[in-house]
Amino acid sequence: MTTLIMHPQNKEQLNALKAVAKALKISVETSPYDPEFVAMVKKAEKNGNYTEVDPNDSATKAVVYKKKLAKTSVWSDDDLKFLEDGKNAFENFKPQQW
């Protein structure tokens, strides 16, 4: 069947739509996303101001992990720089240096 997306302007309209749907035995789903967040994403898409990332790309995972670590700790980006420097140094080792 067809899916309808409605945008009630206030709580009264939302409740009225839910009541009508319930009376007609129509299932109702609500979005788990904050409307302001959805609007921000749509605006970025429209303006081309976004970057698509591959969640399976190891570089993407490292960036996401670093941001997550920075948000959950009191360390600044400068404090975390030594981790990046150590990783880069390790990746540049040649076998004879081990």
C-alpha atoms as a PDB file:
ATOM      1  CA  MET A   1       0.000   0.000   0.000  1.00  0.00           C
ATOM      2  CA  THR A   2       1.008   3.659  -0.098  1.00  0.00           C
ATOM      3  CA  THR A   3       2.888   5.364   2.705  1.00  0.00           C
ATOM      4  CA  LEU A   4       1.846   8.865   3.720  1.00  0.00           C
ATOM      5  CA  ILE A   5       4.102  11.287   5.539  1.00  0.00           C
ATOM      6  CA  MET A   6       2.286  13.983   7.491  1.00  0.00           C
ATOM      7  CA  HIS A   7       3.741  17.002   9.228  1.00  0.00           C
ATOM      8  CA  PRO A   8       1.462  18.173  12.034  1.00  0.00           C
ATOM      9  CA  GLN A   9       2.223  21.689  13.191  1.00  0.00           C
ATOM     10  CA  ASN A  10       1.347  21.139  16.833  1.00  0.00           C
ATOM     11  CA  LYS A  11       0.444  18.523  19.466  1.00  0.00           C
ATOM     12  CA  GLU A  12      -3.302  18.943  18.828  1.00  0.00           C
ATOM     13  CA  GLN A  13      -2.936  18.063  15.148  1.00  0.00           C
ATOM     14  CA  LEU A  14      -0.680  15.126  16.006  1.00  0.00           C
ATOM     15  CA  ASN A  15      -3.199  13.733  18.478  1.00  0.00           C
ATOM     16  CA  ALA A  16      -6.049  14.171  15.964  1.00  0.00           C
ATOM     17  CA  LEU A  17      -4.106  12.304  13.267  1.00  0.00           C
ATOM     18  CA  LYS A  18      -3.278   9.487  15.697  1.00  0.00           C
ATOM     19  CA  ALA A  19      -6.942   9.232  16.756  1.00  0.00           C
ATOM     20  CA  VAL A  20      -8.144   9.013  13.152  1.00  0.00           C
ATOM     21  CA  ALA A  21      -5.511   6.403  12.330  1.00  0.00           C
ATOM     22  CA  LYS A  22      -6.460   4.377  15.403  1.00  0.00           C
ATOM     23  CA  ALA A  23     -10.182   4.555  14.541  1.00  0.00           C
ATOM     24  CA  LEU A  24      -9.419   3.292  11.027  1.00  0.00           C
ATOM     25  CA  LYS A  25      -7.014   0.645  12.374  1.00  0.00           C
ATOM     26  CA  ILE A  26      -4.086   2.121  10.455  1.00  0.00           C
ATOM     27  CA  SER A  27      -0.637   1.459  11.875  1.00  0.00           C
ATOM     28  CA  VAL A  28       1.351   4.548  12.837  1.00  0.00           C
ATOM     29  CA  GLU A  29       5.129   4.805  13.026  1.00  0.00           C
ATOM     30  CA  THR A  30       7.104   7.685  14.461  1.00  0.00           C
ATOM     31  CA  SER A  31      10.623   8.640  13.469  1.00  0.00           C
ATOM     32  CA  PRO A  32      13.374   8.043  16.036  1.00  0.00           C
ATOM     33  CA  TYR A  33      15.209  11.094  14.678  1.00  0.00           C
ATOM     34  CA  ASP A  34      14.989  14.624  16.006  1.00  0.00           C
ATOM     35  CA  PRO A  35      13.198  16.800  13.405  1.00  0.00           C
ATOM     36  CA  GLU A  36      15.878  19.503  13.721  1.00  0.00           C
ATOM     37  CA  PHE A  37      18.581  16.922  12.941  1.00  0.00           C
ATOM     38  CA  VAL A  38      16.649  15.651   9.913  1.00  0.00           C
ATOM     39  CA  ALA A  39      16.227  19.231   8.660  1.00  0.00           C
ATOM     40  CA  MET A  40      19.948  19.859   9.091  1.00  0.00           C
ATOM     41  CA  VAL A  41      20.832  16.711   7.111  1.00  0.00           C
ATOM     42  CA  LYS A  42      18.385  17.567   4.326  1.00  0.00           C
ATOM     43  CA  LYS A  43      19.767  21.113   4.107  1.00  0.00           C
ATOM     44  CA  ALA A  44      23.337  19.775   3.856  1.00  0.00           C
ATOM     45  CA  GLU A  45      22.276  17.350   1.110  1.00  0.00           C
ATOM     46  CA  LYS A  46      20.545  20.135  -0.811  1.00  0.00           C
ATOM     47  CA  ASN A  47      23.601  22.406  -0.566  1.00  0.00           C
ATOM     48  CA  GLY A  48      26.055  19.587  -1.315  1.00  0.00           C
ATOM     49  CA  ASN A  49      27.735  20.293   2.017  1.00  0.00           C
ATOM     50  CA  TYR A  50      28.362  16.729   3.168  1.00  0.00           C
ATOM     51  CA  THR A  51      30.832  13.868   2.854  1.00  0.00           C
ATOM     52  CA  GLU A  52      29.838  10.254   2.341  1.00  0.00           C
ATOM     53  CA  VAL A  53      31.906   7.777   4.314  1.00  0.00           C
ATOM     54  CA  ASP A  54      32.304   4.035   4.033  1.00  0.00           C
ATOM     55  CA  PRO A  55      31.808   2.496   7.503  1.00  0.00           C
ATOM     56  CA  ASN A  56      33.981  -0.477   6.454  1.00  0.00           C
ATOM     57  CA  ASP A  57      36.960   1.715   5.540  1.00  0.00           C
ATOM     58  CA  SER A  58      39.692   1.444   8.181  1.00  0.00           C
ATOM     59  CA  ALA A  59      40.584   5.138   7.843  1.00  0.00           C
ATOM     60  CA  THR A  60      36.965   6.069   8.507  1.00  0.00           C
ATOM     61  CA  LYS A  61      36.857   3.773  11.529  1.00  0.00           C
ATOM     62  CA  ALA A  62      39.988   5.417  12.937  1.00  0.00           C
ATOM     63  CA  VAL A  63      38.530   8.905  12.528  1.00  0.00           C
ATOM     64  CA  VAL A  64      35.233   7.857  14.093  1.00  0.00           C
ATOM     65  CA  TYR A  65      37.054   6.151  16.984  1.00  0.00           C
ATOM     66  CA  LYS A  66      39.226   9.211  17.578  1.00  0.00           C
ATOM     67  CA  LYS A  67      36.175  11.504  17.636  1.00  0.00           C
ATOM     68  CA  LYS A  68      34.347   9.124  19.962  1.00  0.00           C
ATOM     69  CA  LEU A  69      37.367   8.945  22.253  1.00  0.00           C
ATOM     70  CA  ALA A  70      37.677  12.721  22.261  1.00  0.00           C
ATOM     71  CA  LYS A  71      34.004  13.093  23.212  1.00  0.00           C
ATOM     72  CA  THR A  72      34.137  10.562  26.023  1.00  0.00           C
ATOM     73  CA  SER A  73      37.374  11.756  27.580  1.00  0.00           C
ATOM     74  CA  VAL A  74      38.900  14.960  28.820  1.00  0.00           C
ATOM     75  CA  TRP A  75      41.735  14.705  26.289  1.00  0.00           C
ATOM     76  CA  SER A  76      42.004  17.332  23.588  1.00  0.00           C
ATOM     77  CA  ASP A  77      43.035  16.633  19.998  1.00  0.00           C
ATOM     78  CA  ASP A  78      46.555  17.796  20.918  1.00  0.00           C
ATOM     79  CA  ASP A  79      46.624  15.282  23.788  1.00  0.00           C
ATOM     80  CA  LEU A  80      45.646  12.497  21.379  1.00  0.00           C
ATOM     81  CA  LYS A  81      48.255  13.528  18.772  1.00  0.00           C
ATOM     82  CA  PHE A  82      50.863  11.212  20.301  1.00  0.00           C
ATOM     83  CA  LEU A  83      48.620   8.244  19.470  1.00  0.00           C
ATOM     84  CA  GLU A  84      48.485   9.253  15.815  1.00  0.00           C
ATOM     85  CA  ASP A  85      52.257   9.918  15.777  1.00  0.00           C
ATOM     86  CA  GLY A  86      52.941   6.501  17.315  1.00  0.00           C
ATOM     87  CA  LYS A  87      50.666   4.774  14.824  1.00  0.00           C
ATOM     88  CA  ASN A  88      52.350   6.537  11.905  1.00  0.00           C
ATOM     89  CA  ALA A  89      55.825   5.694  13.198  1.00  0.00           C
ATOM     90  CA  PHE A  90      54.867   2.034  13.630  1.00  0.00           C
ATOM     91  CA  GLU A  91      53.392   1.852  10.129  1.00  0.00           C
ATOM     92  CA  ASN A  92      56.613   3.328   8.670  1.00  0.00           C
ATOM     93  CA  PHE A  93      58.947   0.792  10.311  1.00  0.00           C
ATOM     94  CA  LYS A  94      60.857  -1.336   7.886  1.00  0.00           C
ATOM     95  CA  PRO A  95      61.452  -5.032   8.761  1.00  0.00           C
ATOM     96  CA  GLN A  96      65.207  -4.561   9.358  1.00  0.00           C
ATOM     97  CA  GLN A  97      64.463  -1.920  12.022  1.00  0.00           C
ATOM     98  CA  TRP A  98      62.628  -4.406  14.226  1.00  0.00           C
END
